[in-house]
Structure formats: structure tokens, C-alpha cells
Protein backbone atom coordinates (compact mmCIF):
# COMPACT_ATOMS: atom_id res chain seq x y z
CA MET A 1 20.21 92.40 -8.54
CA THR A 2 23.10 89.98 -8.24
CA ASP A 3 25.57 89.17 -11.02
CA PRO A 4 24.78 85.71 -12.50
CA GLY A 5 28.45 85.31 -13.35
CA ASN A 6 29.47 85.95 -9.76
CA PRO A 7 26.83 84.38 -7.51
CA PRO A 8 26.75 85.67 -3.94
CA ILE A 9 27.97 83.59 -1.07
CA PHE A 10 26.02 83.26 2.17
CA VAL A 11 28.30 82.69 5.16
CA VAL A 12 27.02 81.34 8.46
CA GLU A 13 29.41 81.27 11.39
CA HIS A 14 29.29 78.07 13.43
CA LEU A 15 30.28 79.03 16.96
CA ASP A 16 29.69 75.75 18.78
CA PRO A 17 32.16 72.88 19.30
CA GLU A 18 29.40 70.42 18.35
CA LEU A 19 26.58 70.28 15.82
CA GLY A 20 23.08 69.92 17.23
CA ASP A 21 20.16 68.38 15.37
CA TRP A 22 18.43 71.73 14.91
CA SER A 23 21.48 73.40 13.38
CA ALA A 24 22.23 70.37 11.18
CA LEU A 25 18.72 70.52 9.74
CA GLU A 26 18.97 74.26 9.15
CA TYR A 27 22.37 73.95 7.44
CA GLN A 28 21.12 71.14 5.21
CA THR A 29 18.14 73.26 4.17
CA ILE A 30 20.27 76.34 3.51
CA ALA A 31 22.69 74.30 1.40
CA GLU A 32 19.97 72.65 -0.69
CA GLU A 33 18.08 75.90 -1.23
CA SER A 34 21.33 77.64 -2.14
CA ALA A 35 22.08 75.01 -4.75
CA HIS A 36 18.59 75.37 -6.18
CA ALA A 37 18.94 79.17 -6.33
CA GLY A 38 22.39 79.06 -7.92
CA VAL A 39 24.17 80.71 -4.98
CA ARG A 40 26.79 79.43 -2.55
CA PHE A 41 26.69 78.59 1.15
CA CYS A 42 29.75 78.51 3.40
CA LEU A 43 29.96 77.45 7.02
CA SER A 44 32.86 79.28 8.68
CA LEU A 45 34.71 78.89 11.98
CA VAL A 46 34.10 75.14 11.83
CA PRO A 47 36.33 73.28 14.31
CA PRO A 48 38.74 71.00 12.38
CA ASN A 49 37.62 67.95 14.36
CA LEU A 50 33.88 68.53 13.86
CA GLN A 51 32.30 65.81 11.75
CA LEU A 52 29.67 67.27 9.44
CA PRO A 53 26.86 65.10 8.00
CA PRO A 54 27.80 63.45 4.67
CA ALA A 55 24.51 64.64 3.13
CA LEU A 56 25.56 68.24 3.83
CA LEU A 57 29.07 67.76 2.45
CA ASP A 58 27.59 66.26 -0.71
CA VAL A 59 25.67 69.43 -1.66
CA PRO A 60 27.70 71.13 -4.45
CA ALA A 61 26.81 74.65 -3.26
CA PHE A 62 28.24 73.97 0.21
CA SER A 63 31.77 74.64 1.45
CA VAL A 64 33.54 74.57 4.81
CA GLU A 65 35.92 77.19 6.16
CA HIS A 66 37.83 76.75 9.41
CA ARG A 67 38.96 80.37 9.54
CA GLY A 68 36.96 83.43 10.59
CA VAL A 69 35.61 85.97 8.13
CA GLU A 70 38.08 88.60 9.32
CA GLU A 71 40.89 86.49 7.86
CA VAL A 72 39.07 85.11 4.82
CA TYR A 73 37.79 88.48 3.61
CA ALA A 74 40.49 90.76 4.99
CA SER A 75 41.17 92.27 1.56
CA LYS A 76 37.52 92.74 0.53
CA LYS A 77 35.76 93.74 3.71
CA GLU A 78 33.80 96.40 1.82
CA ARG A 79 32.09 93.66 -0.22
CA VAL A 80 30.84 91.82 2.88
CA CYS A 81 27.37 92.58 4.27
CA LEU A 82 26.82 91.75 7.94
CA LEU A 83 23.19 90.97 8.70
CA ASP A 84 22.89 92.96 11.88
CA PRO A 85 19.70 93.75 13.86
CA SER A 86 21.35 96.96 15.09
CA ALA A 87 22.25 98.25 11.61
CA LYS A 88 20.85 101.62 10.55
CA GLU A 89 19.82 100.47 7.07
CA GLU A 90 17.47 97.71 6.02
CA LEU A 91 18.53 95.19 3.41
CA LYS A 92 17.26 96.15 -0.04
CA PRO A 93 17.40 94.58 -3.53
CA GLU A 94 20.16 96.87 -4.77
CA ASP A 95 22.47 95.51 -2.07
CA GLY A 96 22.82 92.50 -4.35
CA THR A 97 25.21 94.52 -6.51
CA LYS A 98 26.95 96.27 -3.63
CA PHE A 99 27.97 93.12 -1.78
CA ASP A 100 29.33 89.69 -2.77
CA VAL A 101 29.16 88.06 0.66
CA PHE A 102 26.27 88.02 3.13
CA LEU A 103 27.37 87.17 6.63
CA PHE A 104 25.22 85.79 9.43
CA GLY A 105 26.88 86.06 12.82
CA ASP A 106 25.39 85.51 16.24
CA ASP A 107 23.47 87.80 18.57
CA PRO A 108 23.36 87.45 22.35
CA PRO A 109 24.43 85.60 24.35
CA ARG A 110 27.75 85.50 22.45
CA ASP A 111 27.05 88.67 20.47
CA ARG A 112 29.51 87.84 17.72
CA THR A 113 27.60 90.28 15.49
CA SER A 114 28.61 93.15 17.75
CA GLU A 115 32.25 92.04 17.52
CA LEU A 116 32.11 91.95 13.70
CA ARG A 117 30.38 95.34 13.63
CA LYS A 118 33.27 96.86 15.59
CA LYS A 119 35.71 95.38 13.07
CA GLY A 120 34.20 97.46 10.29
CA PHE A 121 31.83 95.16 8.43
CA GLN A 122 28.92 97.07 6.88
CA GLY A 123 25.56 96.10 8.32
CA ARG A 124 22.01 95.67 7.10
CA ARG A 125 19.03 94.66 9.20
CA LEU A 126 16.24 92.24 8.35
CA GLY A 127 13.60 93.70 10.66
CA PRO A 128 12.71 93.85 14.35
CA VAL A 129 11.80 90.18 14.98
CA GLN A 130 14.39 87.44 15.49
CA MET A 131 14.51 84.80 12.75
CA THR A 132 15.89 81.30 12.62
CA THR A 133 19.14 81.05 10.67
CA ASP A 134 17.56 79.37 7.66
CA THR A 135 14.81 82.01 7.61
CA ALA A 136 17.34 84.86 7.75
CA VAL A 137 19.25 83.37 4.81
CA ARG A 138 16.01 82.70 2.90
CA VAL A 139 14.78 86.27 3.44
CA THR A 140 18.12 87.71 2.34
CA ARG A 141 18.16 85.54 -0.76
CA THR A 142 14.58 86.57 -1.56
CA VAL A 143 15.45 90.27 -1.32
CA ILE A 144 18.66 90.26 -3.35
CA CYS A 145 18.33 87.23 -5.67
CA THR A 146 15.21 85.24 -6.31
CA LYS A 147 12.44 87.85 -6.20
CA GLN A 148 14.29 91.12 -5.55
CA VAL A 149 11.52 92.55 -3.40
CA PRO A 150 11.72 94.87 -0.38
CA LEU A 151 11.60 93.29 3.05
CA HIS A 152 8.10 94.60 3.79
CA GLU A 153 6.63 92.80 0.77
CA ILE A 154 7.67 89.35 2.02
CA PRO A 155 4.83 87.46 3.76
CA TYR A 156 5.80 86.59 7.33
CA ILE A 157 4.30 84.84 10.31
CA ASP A 158 5.59 85.80 13.76
CA HIS A 159 5.78 83.52 16.80
CA PRO A 160 3.58 80.77 15.35
CA GLU A 161 1.96 78.22 17.61
CA LEU A 162 2.77 74.69 16.50
CA LYS A 163 0.46 71.83 17.41
CA LEU A 164 2.59 68.92 18.59
CA ASP A 165 -0.21 66.46 19.28
CA GLU A 166 -3.86 66.39 20.32
CA HIS A 167 -3.19 68.03 23.64
CA GLU A 168 0.08 69.94 23.33
CA SER A 169 1.31 72.91 21.35
CA THR A 170 4.30 75.22 21.55
CA GLN A 171 4.86 78.80 20.47
CA MET A 172 8.04 79.41 18.50
CA PRO A 173 9.93 82.60 19.45
CA PHE A 174 10.86 83.43 15.83
CA ARG A 175 9.67 85.07 12.62
CA TYR A 176 9.21 82.79 9.60
CA MET A 177 8.33 83.30 5.98
CA LYS A 178 4.90 81.96 5.05
CA ASN A 179 4.54 79.07 2.66
CA GLU A 180 1.83 78.84 0.01
CA LYS A 181 -0.61 77.54 2.64
CA GLY A 182 0.03 80.43 5.01
CA LYS A 183 2.01 78.22 7.40
CA PRO A 184 5.56 78.90 8.67
CA LEU A 185 8.18 77.84 6.13
CA MET A 186 10.44 75.46 8.04
CA PRO A 187 13.00 72.79 7.09
CA ASN A 188 11.57 69.38 6.25
CA GLY A 189 11.70 67.34 9.44
CA MET A 190 11.82 70.34 11.80
CA LEU A 191 8.31 69.85 13.17
CA GLU A 192 9.09 66.19 13.84
CA LEU A 193 12.30 67.22 15.61
CA ILE A 194 10.39 69.69 17.77
CA GLN A 195 7.77 67.03 18.56
CA LYS A 196 10.44 64.48 19.43
CA ASP A 197 12.22 66.86 21.76
CA SER A 198 9.19 68.72 23.10
CA GLU A 199 10.12 67.72 26.64
CA LYS A 200 13.33 69.75 26.25
CA GLY A 201 13.56 73.51 26.07
CA ILE A 202 13.89 74.99 22.58
CA ASP A 203 17.43 76.13 23.44
CA ASP A 204 18.48 72.49 23.87
CA LEU A 205 17.76 71.70 20.22
CA PHE A 206 20.39 73.94 18.64
């Protein structure tokens, strides 16, 4: 359980020089859900010249950091939890009292998570299936804050097939939480973005 007087902060590292539509939608969703849950969301390693959407900057729970986590949390590394698919331990509700910061790096191709692991950040894994960034944050928040349930009790849907129109569908290569209708829980507007850019590869949307 987290301390209401010291709400956790969820840090996502932005490793690109630009901000794609997919990432912008994910960040907006994370920020708004963080505000609703009473926690904080920080985007780190943001290039100084990168223009972020005004709607994102207007969310009170959101903050921007141009430095890396190694510098920001140099004196409290033991209170930072790195969400790491190679970690030996799974995230559990009691980690909400052990850590103040929950850090989401980047797996291959850049493998920033491996770099942070070597620098001594303690890791926890979220399971064997890759998640979108907003899903990873949502799952973490569900485990340590909002519901305080083990990972295996969260309802998921893996690699859902999304119908784009009458004749076309696409299979997403990610794990999502289920919504109340049993459908993948995605940011508002994400399906429309996928439909709009269906002629591109999924990797081009980030």
C-alpha cells in the first residue's frame, strides 16, 4: 500500500528526439489517469527543444524532467523500482511501501532497461507479455495503489485483433488490461489513430 501523504511517482523515459502521435496519446492518458488516482507522472530525458502538447502540460499531475533518472535519483536509488521484464521478482502490492518511484525504461532495440539494471536499480517484472507504456503504468498502479491486487488477478487480453473496417483487421502485439466489456483498455482515440494509419506499420506510429 502506498502512503497517501507521499504519492508515488511514475517516470517514463522519452528516448526519441520527436513525439509521435501514439506516444502523445499514451502520455496524455497516463497523465490524466495519474491525476485521477492521486499519483504523479513524470516524463524524463525530454529534449529541451521538444514541444509537448499544451493539453499534456496542463495536467496538474504531470511534470517534465530533462535529466536522466541516474542524476535525478542519485541519492535515493534504493527507492526506485525499475519495471524490468528480466527481473527475478514480480511486482506485488507491498512494493508500494518499498518504493517511491516506478520507472519505465525501454527494451530492445535500445535496451535502456538493461543499462539501468546494470547501474543498480532494483527491478520488478510485470509478466511475460509485452505491454504498451500506458498499460504497464496502469497495471503497476493497479497493483500498488488503486486495487492492491497481485498481477495474476488482473484481467488481461493478449494480442487482441482490432477490426478497422468491414474488411480489415489488425492484431496488436501487446497485452492490455480488459475493460468492463471485456475489450482491450486503450487510450481514447487510439483505435481511430490505428485506423487512420493502418497503411503504416505499427512501429511507425510511436
